[in-house]
N, C-alpha and C. Protein backbone atom coordinates (compact mmCIF):
# COMPACT_ATOMS: atom_id res chain seq x y z
N MET A 1 0.85 -1.20 0.00
CA MET A 1 0.00 0.00 0.00
C MET A 1 0.88 1.25 0.00
N ASP A 2 0.61 2.14 -0.90
CA ASP A 2 1.36 3.39 -1.02
C ASP A 2 1.16 4.24 0.23
N ASN A 3 2.26 4.58 0.88
CA ASN A 3 2.17 5.37 2.11
C ASN A 3 1.54 6.73 1.85
N ASN A 4 1.74 7.27 0.65
CA ASN A 4 1.13 8.56 0.32
C ASN A 4 -0.39 8.48 0.32
N GLU A 5 -0.92 7.34 -0.11
CA GLU A 5 -2.37 7.16 -0.12
C GLU A 5 -2.91 7.04 1.30
N VAL A 6 -2.15 6.37 2.16
CA VAL A 6 -2.53 6.28 3.58
C VAL A 6 -2.60 7.68 4.19
N LEU A 7 -1.58 8.49 3.91
CA LEU A 7 -1.56 9.85 4.43
C LEU A 7 -2.69 10.69 3.84
N ARG A 8 -2.96 10.49 2.55
CA ARG A 8 -4.03 11.26 1.89
C ARG A 8 -5.40 10.94 2.50
N LEU A 9 -5.67 9.67 2.70
CA LEU A 9 -6.96 9.28 3.27
C LEU A 9 -7.08 9.74 4.72
N GLY A 10 -5.98 9.65 5.47
CA GLY A 10 -6.01 10.14 6.84
C GLY A 10 -6.32 11.63 6.89
N SER A 11 -5.71 12.38 5.97
CA SER A 11 -5.97 13.82 5.91
C SER A 11 -7.40 14.11 5.49
N LEU A 12 -7.93 13.29 4.57
CA LEU A 12 -9.31 13.46 4.14
C LEU A 12 -10.27 13.27 5.30
N PHE A 13 -10.08 12.21 6.05
CA PHE A 13 -10.96 11.95 7.19
C PHE A 13 -10.85 13.07 8.23
N TRP A 14 -9.63 13.47 8.52
CA TRP A 14 -9.42 14.48 9.55
C TRP A 14 -9.97 15.84 9.12
N ALA A 15 -10.04 16.07 7.82
CA ALA A 15 -10.57 17.33 7.30
C ALA A 15 -12.04 17.54 7.65
N ALA A 16 -12.71 16.49 8.11
CA ALA A 16 -14.10 16.64 8.55
C ALA A 16 -14.21 17.63 9.70
N LYS A 17 -13.10 17.88 10.37
CA LYS A 17 -13.11 18.84 11.48
C LYS A 17 -13.51 20.23 11.01
N GLU A 18 -13.27 20.53 9.74
CA GLU A 18 -13.64 21.85 9.21
C GLU A 18 -15.16 22.01 9.17
N ILE A 19 -15.87 20.91 8.99
CA ILE A 19 -17.34 20.94 9.04
C ILE A 19 -17.81 21.15 10.47
N LEU A 20 -17.07 20.57 11.41
CA LEU A 20 -17.46 20.61 12.82
C LEU A 20 -17.01 21.87 13.53
N ARG A 21 -16.03 22.55 12.97
CA ARG A 21 -15.44 23.71 13.63
C ARG A 21 -16.51 24.76 13.94
N GLY A 22 -16.49 25.24 15.18
CA GLY A 22 -17.45 26.26 15.60
C GLY A 22 -18.72 25.67 16.20
N LYS A 23 -18.99 24.40 15.87
CA LYS A 23 -20.18 23.74 16.41
C LYS A 23 -19.80 22.62 17.37
N TYR A 24 -18.58 22.17 17.27
CA TYR A 24 -18.02 21.19 18.19
C TYR A 24 -16.72 21.76 18.75
N LYS A 25 -16.39 21.39 19.96
CA LYS A 25 -15.09 21.73 20.51
C LYS A 25 -14.05 20.78 19.95
N ALA A 26 -12.80 21.22 19.93
CA ALA A 26 -11.74 20.42 19.31
C ALA A 26 -11.65 19.02 19.90
N HIS A 27 -11.84 18.91 21.22
CA HIS A 27 -11.72 17.59 21.84
C HIS A 27 -12.89 16.67 21.51
N GLU A 28 -13.92 17.21 20.83
CA GLU A 28 -15.08 16.40 20.46
C GLU A 28 -15.01 15.91 19.02
N TYR A 29 -14.03 16.35 18.25
CA TYR A 29 -13.95 15.96 16.84
C TYR A 29 -13.94 14.44 16.67
N GLY A 30 -13.18 13.78 17.52
CA GLY A 30 -13.07 12.32 17.41
C GLY A 30 -14.38 11.60 17.65
N ASN A 31 -15.29 12.21 18.40
CA ASN A 31 -16.59 11.59 18.66
C ASN A 31 -17.38 11.39 17.38
N VAL A 32 -17.09 12.21 16.39
CA VAL A 32 -17.76 12.11 15.09
C VAL A 32 -16.88 11.37 14.08
N ILE A 33 -15.63 11.79 13.98
CA ILE A 33 -14.76 11.28 12.92
C ILE A 33 -14.50 9.78 13.04
N LEU A 34 -14.16 9.30 14.23
CA LEU A 34 -13.79 7.89 14.39
C LEU A 34 -14.94 6.94 14.04
N PRO A 35 -16.15 7.13 14.58
CA PRO A 35 -17.23 6.20 14.21
C PRO A 35 -17.63 6.30 12.74
N PHE A 36 -17.51 7.47 12.14
CA PHE A 36 -17.86 7.59 10.73
C PHE A 36 -16.83 6.91 9.84
N VAL A 37 -15.58 6.88 10.26
CA VAL A 37 -14.57 6.11 9.53
C VAL A 37 -14.94 4.63 9.56
N VAL A 38 -15.30 4.14 10.74
CA VAL A 38 -15.71 2.74 10.89
C VAL A 38 -16.93 2.45 10.02
N LEU A 39 -17.91 3.34 10.06
CA LEU A 39 -19.13 3.15 9.28
C LEU A 39 -18.82 3.08 7.79
N ARG A 40 -17.98 3.98 7.31
CA ARG A 40 -17.63 3.99 5.89
C ARG A 40 -16.91 2.71 5.50
N ARG A 41 -15.98 2.28 6.33
CA ARG A 41 -15.22 1.06 6.02
C ARG A 41 -16.13 -0.15 5.98
N LEU A 42 -16.99 -0.31 6.97
CA LEU A 42 -17.87 -1.48 7.00
C LEU A 42 -18.81 -1.48 5.80
N GLY A 43 -19.29 -0.30 5.44
CA GLY A 43 -20.16 -0.20 4.28
C GLY A 43 -19.48 -0.66 3.00
N ARG A 44 -18.21 -0.28 2.84
CA ARG A 44 -17.46 -0.68 1.65
C ARG A 44 -17.14 -2.17 1.66
N VAL A 45 -16.89 -2.72 2.84
CA VAL A 45 -16.64 -4.16 2.95
C VAL A 45 -17.86 -4.96 2.52
N LEU A 46 -19.05 -4.49 2.90
CA LEU A 46 -20.28 -5.22 2.64
C LEU A 46 -20.88 -4.94 1.25
N GLU A 47 -20.38 -3.94 0.59
CA GLU A 47 -21.00 -3.51 -0.68
C GLU A 47 -21.13 -4.61 -1.73
N PRO A 48 -20.12 -5.46 -1.95
CA PRO A 48 -20.24 -6.46 -3.02
C PRO A 48 -21.37 -7.47 -2.83
N THR A 49 -21.79 -7.70 -1.59
CA THR A 49 -22.81 -8.72 -1.32
C THR A 49 -24.14 -8.11 -0.89
N LYS A 50 -24.27 -6.81 -1.00
CA LYS A 50 -25.45 -6.12 -0.47
C LYS A 50 -26.76 -6.62 -1.07
N SER A 51 -26.81 -6.75 -2.38
CA SER A 51 -28.05 -7.19 -3.02
C SER A 51 -28.39 -8.63 -2.65
N GLN A 52 -27.38 -9.48 -2.52
CA GLN A 52 -27.62 -10.87 -2.12
C GLN A 52 -28.15 -10.94 -0.70
N VAL A 53 -27.60 -10.12 0.18
CA VAL A 53 -28.06 -10.09 1.57
C VAL A 53 -29.51 -9.64 1.64
N GLN A 54 -29.85 -8.62 0.87
CA GLN A 54 -31.22 -8.12 0.84
C GLN A 54 -32.19 -9.20 0.38
N GLU A 55 -31.81 -9.90 -0.66
CA GLU A 55 -32.67 -10.96 -1.20
C GLU A 55 -32.86 -12.09 -0.19
N GLU A 56 -31.77 -12.51 0.43
CA GLU A 56 -31.85 -13.60 1.41
C GLU A 56 -32.62 -13.19 2.65
N PHE A 57 -32.42 -11.96 3.10
CA PHE A 57 -33.11 -11.49 4.30
C PHE A 57 -34.62 -11.45 4.09
N SER A 58 -35.05 -11.15 2.89
CA SER A 58 -36.49 -11.11 2.60
C SER A 58 -37.15 -12.47 2.80
N LYS A 59 -36.35 -13.53 2.73
CA LYS A 59 -36.87 -14.88 2.93
C LYS A 59 -36.77 -15.33 4.39
N LEU A 60 -36.04 -14.58 5.20
CA LEU A 60 -35.71 -15.04 6.55
C LEU A 60 -36.31 -14.18 7.66
N LYS A 61 -37.11 -13.19 7.33
CA LYS A 61 -37.55 -12.20 8.31
C LYS A 61 -38.22 -12.80 9.54
N ASN A 62 -38.87 -13.94 9.39
CA ASN A 62 -39.58 -14.56 10.52
C ASN A 62 -38.77 -15.65 11.21
N GLU A 63 -37.53 -15.80 10.80
CA GLU A 63 -36.67 -16.83 11.38
C GLU A 63 -35.96 -16.29 12.63
N PRO A 64 -35.46 -17.20 13.48
CA PRO A 64 -34.72 -16.77 14.68
C PRO A 64 -33.49 -15.92 14.30
N GLU A 65 -33.16 -14.99 15.16
CA GLU A 65 -32.04 -14.08 14.88
C GLU A 65 -30.73 -14.84 14.65
N GLU A 66 -30.53 -15.93 15.40
CA GLU A 66 -29.30 -16.70 15.26
C GLU A 66 -29.18 -17.28 13.85
N LEU A 67 -30.31 -17.76 13.31
CA LEU A 67 -30.28 -18.33 11.96
C LEU A 67 -30.05 -17.23 10.92
N ILE A 68 -30.69 -16.09 11.13
CA ILE A 68 -30.50 -14.97 10.21
C ILE A 68 -29.02 -14.56 10.16
N ASP A 69 -28.42 -14.42 11.35
CA ASP A 69 -27.00 -14.05 11.41
C ASP A 69 -26.14 -15.06 10.66
N LEU A 70 -26.41 -16.32 10.90
CA LEU A 70 -25.61 -17.39 10.29
C LEU A 70 -25.70 -17.35 8.77
N ARG A 71 -26.92 -17.20 8.25
CA ARG A 71 -27.13 -17.23 6.81
C ARG A 71 -26.57 -15.97 6.13
N LEU A 72 -26.79 -14.82 6.75
CA LEU A 72 -26.32 -13.57 6.13
C LEU A 72 -24.80 -13.44 6.22
N ASN A 73 -24.23 -13.88 7.34
CA ASN A 73 -22.77 -13.84 7.46
C ASN A 73 -22.11 -14.78 6.45
N ALA A 74 -22.80 -15.87 6.13
CA ALA A 74 -22.27 -16.80 5.13
C ALA A 74 -22.19 -16.14 3.76
N ILE A 75 -23.13 -15.24 3.50
CA ILE A 75 -23.13 -14.51 2.22
C ILE A 75 -22.03 -13.46 2.20
N THR A 76 -21.91 -12.70 3.28
CA THR A 76 -20.90 -11.63 3.31
C THR A 76 -19.48 -12.17 3.48
N LYS A 77 -19.40 -13.43 3.99
CA LYS A 77 -18.10 -14.02 4.32
C LYS A 77 -17.36 -13.17 5.35
N GLN A 78 -18.15 -12.56 6.22
CA GLN A 78 -17.63 -11.76 7.33
C GLN A 78 -18.34 -12.21 8.60
N SER A 79 -17.94 -11.66 9.72
CA SER A 79 -18.61 -11.98 10.98
C SER A 79 -19.73 -10.98 11.27
N PHE A 80 -20.15 -10.24 10.25
CA PHE A 80 -21.19 -9.22 10.41
C PHE A 80 -21.90 -9.01 9.08
N HIS A 81 -22.99 -8.26 9.13
CA HIS A 81 -23.76 -7.96 7.92
C HIS A 81 -24.62 -6.73 8.20
N ASN A 82 -25.33 -6.28 7.18
CA ASN A 82 -26.30 -5.19 7.35
C ASN A 82 -27.56 -5.54 6.57
N LYS A 83 -28.69 -5.55 7.28
CA LYS A 83 -29.96 -5.97 6.68
C LYS A 83 -30.71 -4.82 6.01
N SER A 84 -30.29 -3.58 6.25
CA SER A 84 -31.03 -2.44 5.70
C SER A 84 -30.70 -2.26 4.22
N LYS A 85 -31.50 -1.46 3.56
CA LYS A 85 -31.24 -1.18 2.14
C LYS A 85 -30.21 -0.06 1.96
N PHE A 86 -29.82 0.57 3.06
CA PHE A 86 -29.02 1.79 2.96
C PHE A 86 -27.52 1.56 2.90
N ASP A 87 -26.86 2.51 2.29
CA ASP A 87 -25.43 2.75 2.41
C ASP A 87 -25.27 4.27 2.33
N MET A 88 -24.06 4.77 2.39
CA MET A 88 -23.90 6.23 2.42
C MET A 88 -24.43 6.90 1.15
N GLU A 89 -24.23 6.23 0.02
CA GLU A 89 -24.70 6.81 -1.23
C GLU A 89 -26.22 6.93 -1.26
N LEU A 90 -26.91 5.90 -0.77
CA LEU A 90 -28.37 5.94 -0.75
C LEU A 90 -28.89 6.94 0.28
N LEU A 91 -28.16 7.11 1.37
CA LEU A 91 -28.54 8.13 2.36
C LEU A 91 -28.55 9.51 1.71
N LEU A 92 -27.57 9.75 0.86
CA LEU A 92 -27.47 11.06 0.21
C LEU A 92 -28.55 11.26 -0.84
N ALA A 93 -29.13 10.16 -1.31
CA ALA A 93 -30.18 10.27 -2.33
C ALA A 93 -31.50 10.75 -1.73
N GLU A 94 -31.61 10.69 -0.38
CA GLU A 94 -32.82 11.14 0.31
C GLU A 94 -32.43 12.12 1.42
N PRO A 95 -31.92 13.29 1.05
CA PRO A 95 -31.39 14.22 2.05
C PRO A 95 -32.43 14.70 3.07
N ASP A 96 -33.69 14.76 2.69
CA ASP A 96 -34.72 15.23 3.62
C ASP A 96 -34.99 14.22 4.73
N ASN A 97 -34.59 12.97 4.51
CA ASN A 97 -34.83 11.91 5.50
C ASN A 97 -33.52 11.39 6.09
N ILE A 98 -32.49 12.22 6.07
CA ILE A 98 -31.16 11.76 6.43
C ILE A 98 -31.09 11.19 7.85
N LEU A 99 -31.75 11.81 8.82
CA LEU A 99 -31.66 11.33 10.19
C LEU A 99 -32.36 9.99 10.34
N ARG A 100 -33.59 9.90 9.87
CA ARG A 100 -34.35 8.66 9.99
C ARG A 100 -33.64 7.51 9.27
N ASN A 101 -33.17 7.78 8.07
CA ASN A 101 -32.53 6.73 7.29
C ASN A 101 -31.18 6.32 7.87
N MET A 102 -30.46 7.29 8.44
CA MET A 102 -29.19 6.96 9.08
C MET A 102 -29.40 6.02 10.26
N LYS A 103 -30.43 6.29 11.05
CA LYS A 103 -30.73 5.41 12.18
C LYS A 103 -31.11 4.01 11.70
N ALA A 104 -31.88 3.95 10.61
CA ALA A 104 -32.27 2.65 10.05
C ALA A 104 -31.04 1.90 9.54
N TYR A 105 -30.11 2.63 8.96
CA TYR A 105 -28.87 2.03 8.46
C TYR A 105 -28.08 1.39 9.60
N ILE A 106 -27.93 2.11 10.68
CA ILE A 106 -27.18 1.59 11.82
C ILE A 106 -27.91 0.41 12.46
N ARG A 107 -29.24 0.50 12.57
CA ARG A 107 -30.03 -0.61 13.13
C ARG A 107 -29.93 -1.86 12.26
N GLY A 108 -29.63 -1.67 10.98
CA GLY A 108 -29.56 -2.81 10.07
C GLY A 108 -28.34 -3.69 10.27
N PHE A 109 -27.34 -3.19 10.96
CA PHE A 109 -26.15 -4.00 11.20
C PHE A 109 -26.46 -5.13 12.19
N SER A 110 -25.70 -6.19 12.08
CA SER A 110 -25.81 -7.27 13.05
C SER A 110 -25.44 -6.75 14.43
N LYS A 111 -25.90 -7.45 15.46
CA LYS A 111 -25.79 -6.92 16.82
C LYS A 111 -24.35 -6.64 17.23
N ASN A 112 -23.41 -7.46 16.77
CA ASN A 112 -22.03 -7.23 17.18
C ASN A 112 -21.51 -5.87 16.70
N VAL A 113 -21.97 -5.44 15.53
CA VAL A 113 -21.57 -4.12 15.03
C VAL A 113 -22.38 -3.02 15.71
N GLN A 114 -23.66 -3.28 15.95
CA GLN A 114 -24.46 -2.29 16.68
C GLN A 114 -23.85 -2.00 18.05
N ASP A 115 -23.29 -3.03 18.68
CA ASP A 115 -22.64 -2.83 19.98
C ASP A 115 -21.46 -1.86 19.86
N ILE A 116 -20.73 -1.96 18.77
CA ILE A 116 -19.61 -1.05 18.54
C ILE A 116 -20.10 0.39 18.45
N PHE A 117 -21.16 0.59 17.67
CA PHE A 117 -21.69 1.95 17.51
C PHE A 117 -22.35 2.45 18.79
N ASP A 118 -22.92 1.54 19.57
CA ASP A 118 -23.46 1.93 20.88
C ASP A 118 -22.35 2.46 21.77
N ASN A 119 -21.20 1.79 21.73
CA ASN A 119 -20.06 2.24 22.54
C ASN A 119 -19.51 3.58 22.07
N PHE A 120 -19.65 3.86 20.79
CA PHE A 120 -19.28 5.17 20.26
C PHE A 120 -20.31 6.25 20.63
N GLY A 121 -21.52 5.82 21.05
CA GLY A 121 -22.60 6.78 21.27
C GLY A 121 -23.08 7.35 19.95
N MET A 122 -23.13 6.49 18.93
CA MET A 122 -23.40 6.94 17.56
C MET A 122 -24.76 7.60 17.41
N ASN A 123 -25.80 7.02 17.98
CA ASN A 123 -27.13 7.60 17.83
C ASN A 123 -27.19 9.01 18.41
N GLU A 124 -26.55 9.20 19.55
CA GLU A 124 -26.53 10.52 20.17
C GLU A 124 -25.77 11.52 19.29
N GLU A 125 -24.67 11.04 18.68
CA GLU A 125 -23.87 11.93 17.84
C GLU A 125 -24.62 12.34 16.57
N ILE A 126 -25.33 11.40 15.95
CA ILE A 126 -26.03 11.78 14.72
C ILE A 126 -27.22 12.69 15.03
N GLU A 127 -27.83 12.49 16.21
CA GLU A 127 -28.89 13.43 16.63
C GLU A 127 -28.30 14.83 16.79
N LYS A 128 -27.15 14.88 17.43
CA LYS A 128 -26.48 16.16 17.68
C LYS A 128 -26.09 16.82 16.36
N LEU A 129 -25.54 16.04 15.45
CA LEU A 129 -25.16 16.57 14.14
C LEU A 129 -26.37 17.10 13.38
N HIS A 130 -27.47 16.37 13.47
CA HIS A 130 -28.68 16.78 12.76
C HIS A 130 -29.21 18.10 13.31
N LYS A 131 -29.22 18.22 14.63
CA LYS A 131 -29.70 19.46 15.25
C LYS A 131 -28.84 20.65 14.87
N LYS A 132 -27.55 20.40 14.66
CA LYS A 132 -26.63 21.47 14.28
C LYS A 132 -26.60 21.70 12.77
N GLY A 133 -27.39 20.91 12.04
CA GLY A 133 -27.47 21.07 10.59
C GLY A 133 -26.29 20.53 9.81
N GLU A 134 -25.55 19.59 10.41
CA GLU A 134 -24.32 19.12 9.76
C GLU A 134 -24.32 17.63 9.43
N LEU A 135 -25.38 16.91 9.74
CA LEU A 135 -25.37 15.47 9.48
C LEU A 135 -25.21 15.17 8.00
N LEU A 136 -25.98 15.84 7.17
CA LEU A 136 -25.88 15.62 5.73
C LEU A 136 -24.48 15.95 5.22
N HIS A 137 -23.90 17.04 5.71
CA HIS A 137 -22.57 17.45 5.26
C HIS A 137 -21.51 16.43 5.65
N ILE A 138 -21.65 15.87 6.84
CA ILE A 138 -20.69 14.86 7.29
C ILE A 138 -20.80 13.60 6.44
N VAL A 139 -22.02 13.16 6.18
CA VAL A 139 -22.20 11.98 5.33
C VAL A 139 -21.63 12.23 3.94
N GLN A 140 -21.89 13.41 3.39
CA GLN A 140 -21.34 13.77 2.08
C GLN A 140 -19.81 13.69 2.09
N HIS A 141 -19.22 14.18 3.16
CA HIS A 141 -17.76 14.20 3.26
C HIS A 141 -17.19 12.78 3.29
N PHE A 142 -17.73 11.93 4.14
CA PHE A 142 -17.18 10.59 4.28
C PHE A 142 -17.49 9.71 3.07
N ALA A 143 -18.56 10.02 2.37
CA ALA A 143 -18.90 9.25 1.17
C ALA A 143 -17.87 9.44 0.06
N THR A 144 -17.05 10.48 0.15
CA THR A 144 -16.02 10.71 -0.88
C THR A 144 -14.80 9.82 -0.68
N ALA A 145 -14.71 9.16 0.46
CA ALA A 145 -13.53 8.34 0.77
C ALA A 145 -13.68 6.96 0.16
N ASP A 146 -12.83 6.64 -0.80
CA ASP A 146 -12.86 5.32 -1.42
C ASP A 146 -11.93 4.39 -0.66
N ILE A 147 -12.49 3.66 0.27
CA ILE A 147 -11.68 2.73 1.08
C ILE A 147 -12.14 1.30 0.85
N ASP A 148 -12.36 0.98 -0.41
CA ASP A 148 -12.67 -0.38 -0.82
C ASP A 148 -11.54 -1.31 -0.36
N PRO A 149 -11.87 -2.43 0.29
CA PRO A 149 -10.83 -3.35 0.77
C PRO A 149 -9.89 -3.85 -0.33
N LYS A 150 -10.35 -3.84 -1.58
CA LYS A 150 -9.48 -4.26 -2.68
C LYS A 150 -8.37 -3.24 -2.92
N LYS A 151 -8.59 -2.02 -2.50
CA LYS A 151 -7.60 -0.96 -2.69
C LYS A 151 -6.87 -0.63 -1.39
N ILE A 152 -7.59 -0.67 -0.28
CA ILE A 152 -7.03 -0.33 1.03
C ILE A 152 -7.17 -1.55 1.92
N ASP A 153 -6.06 -2.27 2.15
CA ASP A 153 -6.16 -3.49 2.96
C ASP A 153 -6.31 -3.16 4.44
N ASN A 154 -6.52 -4.20 5.24
CA ASN A 154 -6.78 -4.00 6.67
C ASN A 154 -5.60 -3.37 7.39
N HIS A 155 -4.39 -3.72 6.97
CA HIS A 155 -3.21 -3.13 7.62
C HIS A 155 -3.17 -1.63 7.38
N ALA A 156 -3.40 -1.22 6.13
CA ALA A 156 -3.40 0.21 5.81
C ALA A 156 -4.53 0.92 6.54
N MET A 157 -5.68 0.26 6.62
CA MET A 157 -6.82 0.86 7.31
C MET A 157 -6.51 1.03 8.79
N GLY A 158 -5.83 0.05 9.37
CA GLY A 158 -5.45 0.15 10.77
C GLY A 158 -4.49 1.30 11.01
N THR A 159 -3.55 1.49 10.08
CA THR A 159 -2.60 2.60 10.19
C THR A 159 -3.32 3.94 10.13
N ILE A 160 -4.25 4.06 9.19
CA ILE A 160 -5.04 5.29 9.07
C ILE A 160 -5.79 5.57 10.37
N TYR A 161 -6.40 4.53 10.91
CA TYR A 161 -7.20 4.71 12.13
C TYR A 161 -6.33 5.08 13.32
N GLU A 162 -5.17 4.45 13.43
CA GLU A 162 -4.26 4.79 14.53
C GLU A 162 -3.81 6.24 14.44
N ASN A 163 -3.52 6.69 13.22
CA ASN A 163 -3.12 8.09 13.05
C ASN A 163 -4.23 9.05 13.45
N LEU A 164 -5.47 8.65 13.17
CA LEU A 164 -6.60 9.49 13.57
C LEU A 164 -6.77 9.51 15.08
N ILE A 165 -6.51 8.38 15.73
CA ILE A 165 -6.55 8.34 17.19
C ILE A 165 -5.53 9.31 17.77
N ILE A 166 -4.34 9.33 17.17
CA ILE A 166 -3.30 10.26 17.63
C ILE A 166 -3.78 11.70 17.49
N LYS A 167 -4.36 12.03 16.33
CA LYS A 167 -4.83 13.39 16.10
C LYS A 167 -5.94 13.78 17.06
N THR A 168 -6.88 12.87 17.31
CA THR A 168 -7.98 13.20 18.22
C THR A 168 -7.46 13.35 19.65
N SER A 169 -6.47 12.54 20.00
CA SER A 169 -5.88 12.66 21.34
C SER A 169 -5.15 13.98 21.49
N GLU A 170 -4.43 14.37 20.45
CA GLU A 170 -3.72 15.65 20.49
C GLU A 170 -4.70 16.81 20.58
N ALA A 171 -5.81 16.70 19.86
CA ALA A 171 -6.82 17.76 19.89
C ALA A 171 -7.44 17.89 21.28
N ALA A 172 -7.46 16.76 22.00
CA ALA A 172 -8.02 16.76 23.35
C ALA A 172 -6.94 16.97 24.41
N ASN A 173 -5.70 17.24 23.97
CA ASN A 173 -4.56 17.41 24.89
C ASN A 173 -4.35 16.18 25.76
N GLU A 174 -4.52 15.00 25.14
CA GLU A 174 -4.28 13.75 25.84
C GLU A 174 -3.04 13.08 25.25
N ALA A 175 -2.52 12.11 25.97
CA ALA A 175 -1.39 11.34 25.47
C ALA A 175 -1.93 10.24 24.56
N ALA A 176 -1.48 10.24 23.30
CA ALA A 176 -2.00 9.27 22.34
C ALA A 176 -1.76 7.83 22.79
N GLY A 177 -0.65 7.59 23.48
CA GLY A 177 -0.34 6.25 23.93
C GLY A 177 -1.32 5.68 24.94
N ASP A 178 -2.18 6.53 25.48
CA ASP A 178 -3.21 6.03 26.39
C ASP A 178 -4.29 5.27 25.65
N HIS A 179 -4.36 5.42 24.34
CA HIS A 179 -5.46 4.85 23.56
C HIS A 179 -5.03 3.77 22.58
N PHE A 180 -3.74 3.66 22.30
CA PHE A 180 -3.26 2.58 21.44
C PHE A 180 -1.80 2.33 21.75
N THR A 181 -1.31 1.16 21.36
CA THR A 181 0.08 0.80 21.59
C THR A 181 0.89 1.09 20.34
N PRO A 182 1.89 1.97 20.41
CA PRO A 182 2.70 2.28 19.23
C PRO A 182 3.33 1.03 18.64
N ARG A 183 3.48 0.98 17.32
CA ARG A 183 4.00 -0.20 16.65
C ARG A 183 5.42 -0.55 17.11
N GLU A 184 6.21 0.46 17.45
CA GLU A 184 7.57 0.19 17.92
C GLU A 184 7.55 -0.64 19.20
N ILE A 185 6.58 -0.33 20.07
CA ILE A 185 6.46 -1.08 21.32
C ILE A 185 6.00 -2.51 21.04
N ILE A 186 5.08 -2.66 20.10
CA ILE A 186 4.60 -4.00 19.75
C ILE A 186 5.75 -4.85 19.22
N LYS A 187 6.57 -4.27 18.33
CA LYS A 187 7.70 -5.02 17.78
C LYS A 187 8.68 -5.43 18.88
N LEU A 188 8.93 -4.51 19.82
CA LEU A 188 9.82 -4.83 20.93
C LEU A 188 9.26 -5.96 21.77
N MET A 189 7.96 -5.92 22.05
CA MET A 189 7.33 -6.97 22.86
C MET A 189 7.43 -8.33 22.18
N VAL A 190 7.21 -8.36 20.86
CA VAL A 190 7.30 -9.62 20.11
C VAL A 190 8.73 -10.14 20.12
N ASN A 191 9.70 -9.25 19.90
CA ASN A 191 11.10 -9.67 19.91
C ASN A 191 11.51 -10.24 21.26
N LEU A 192 11.05 -9.62 22.33
CA LEU A 192 11.36 -10.12 23.67
C LEU A 192 10.69 -11.46 23.94
N LEU A 193 9.47 -11.59 23.44
CA LEU A 193 8.70 -12.82 23.67
C LEU A 193 9.39 -14.03 23.05
N PHE A 194 9.99 -13.84 21.87
CA PHE A 194 10.59 -14.96 21.15
C PHE A 194 12.11 -14.94 21.16
N ALA A 195 12.70 -14.09 21.99
CA ALA A 195 14.16 -13.92 21.99
C ALA A 195 14.90 -15.24 22.20
N GLU A 196 14.37 -16.11 23.06
CA GLU A 196 15.06 -17.36 23.37
C GLU A 196 14.39 -18.56 22.72
N ASN A 197 13.49 -18.29 21.79
CA ASN A 197 12.77 -19.40 21.18
C ASN A 197 12.46 -19.08 19.72
N THR A 198 13.49 -18.69 18.98
CA THR A 198 13.28 -18.27 17.58
C THR A 198 12.83 -19.41 16.69
N ASP A 199 13.11 -20.65 17.08
CA ASP A 199 12.69 -21.79 16.26
C ASP A 199 11.17 -21.88 16.14
N THR A 200 10.49 -21.27 17.09
CA THR A 200 9.02 -21.28 17.07
C THR A 200 8.48 -20.58 15.84
N LEU A 201 9.26 -19.67 15.29
CA LEU A 201 8.78 -18.84 14.19
C LEU A 201 9.15 -19.39 12.81
N ASP A 202 9.42 -20.70 12.71
CA ASP A 202 9.73 -21.23 11.39
C ASP A 202 8.52 -21.08 10.47
N LYS A 203 8.79 -20.85 9.20
CA LYS A 203 7.74 -20.48 8.25
C LYS A 203 6.79 -21.62 7.92
N LYS A 204 7.13 -22.84 8.27
CA LYS A 204 6.30 -23.98 7.90
C LYS A 204 5.15 -24.22 8.87
N SER A 205 5.17 -23.54 9.99
CA SER A 205 4.14 -23.78 11.00
C SER A 205 3.29 -22.54 11.23
N ILE A 206 2.12 -22.75 11.79
CA ILE A 206 1.21 -21.65 12.12
C ILE A 206 1.10 -21.56 13.63
N LYS A 207 1.33 -20.38 14.16
CA LYS A 207 1.25 -20.16 15.60
C LYS A 207 0.13 -19.18 15.90
N ARG A 208 -0.56 -19.43 16.98
CA ARG A 208 -1.64 -18.54 17.39
C ARG A 208 -1.32 -17.95 18.76
N ILE A 209 -1.55 -16.65 18.88
CA ILE A 209 -1.31 -15.96 20.15
C ILE A 209 -2.58 -15.24 20.55
N TYR A 210 -3.00 -15.45 21.77
CA TYR A 210 -4.19 -14.77 22.28
C TYR A 210 -3.78 -13.46 22.92
N ASP A 211 -4.31 -12.36 22.40
CA ASP A 211 -4.04 -11.03 22.95
C ASP A 211 -5.37 -10.40 23.35
N PRO A 212 -5.73 -10.45 24.62
CA PRO A 212 -7.03 -9.92 25.06
C PRO A 212 -7.13 -8.41 24.99
N ALA A 213 -6.00 -7.74 24.76
CA ALA A 213 -6.01 -6.28 24.71
C ALA A 213 -5.74 -5.78 23.29
N CYS A 214 -5.92 -6.64 22.32
CA CYS A 214 -5.61 -6.27 20.94
C CYS A 214 -6.57 -5.21 20.42
N GLY A 215 -6.01 -4.16 19.82
CA GLY A 215 -6.84 -3.12 19.21
C GLY A 215 -6.62 -3.11 17.72
N THR A 216 -6.28 -1.93 17.16
CA THR A 216 -6.05 -1.86 15.72
C THR A 216 -4.72 -2.46 15.34
């Protein structure tokens, strides 16, 4: 992945602060930018299978939630899905209903993703954006970001997100390291972990490590 493209996308996402300026305090920028980055990425991940999911869901509406999750996740080949008809582009096609449709879009995600947005306080943020007259503008801004997984892999996306965490922490006058572990520290930890057991890392075998504190 071209590092220039990573920097460009990071700058594009962070530029949303210009929409928020004057209506949000600097330390609140991340409350909007971070969840909208996640929303845009998930939408692009699910885009190739969206019509198939819609078709299958129409046959499963009266089935148990567990079965619905299983069948729809099998189509997306992910651990999540979205049952709604919406994506960012369709939200923009109905600007007069942006708040209602945005809520329906978020409700359409499988529960594991809804939990993520609940932890972001997403519903409260979009209500706040709508009252300030900026919800449509924010959706328009993030819809310009082409973060298709075929072009931007997960590693690049993680780098972009970590850089945004740093920027939001700096805007809030916080230490960025309180919110993520710098890659240099991760490399040091791995080197120390295997310092006396390098044979474990031979290329012919697969090793699994459980990290309960793993983030991006």
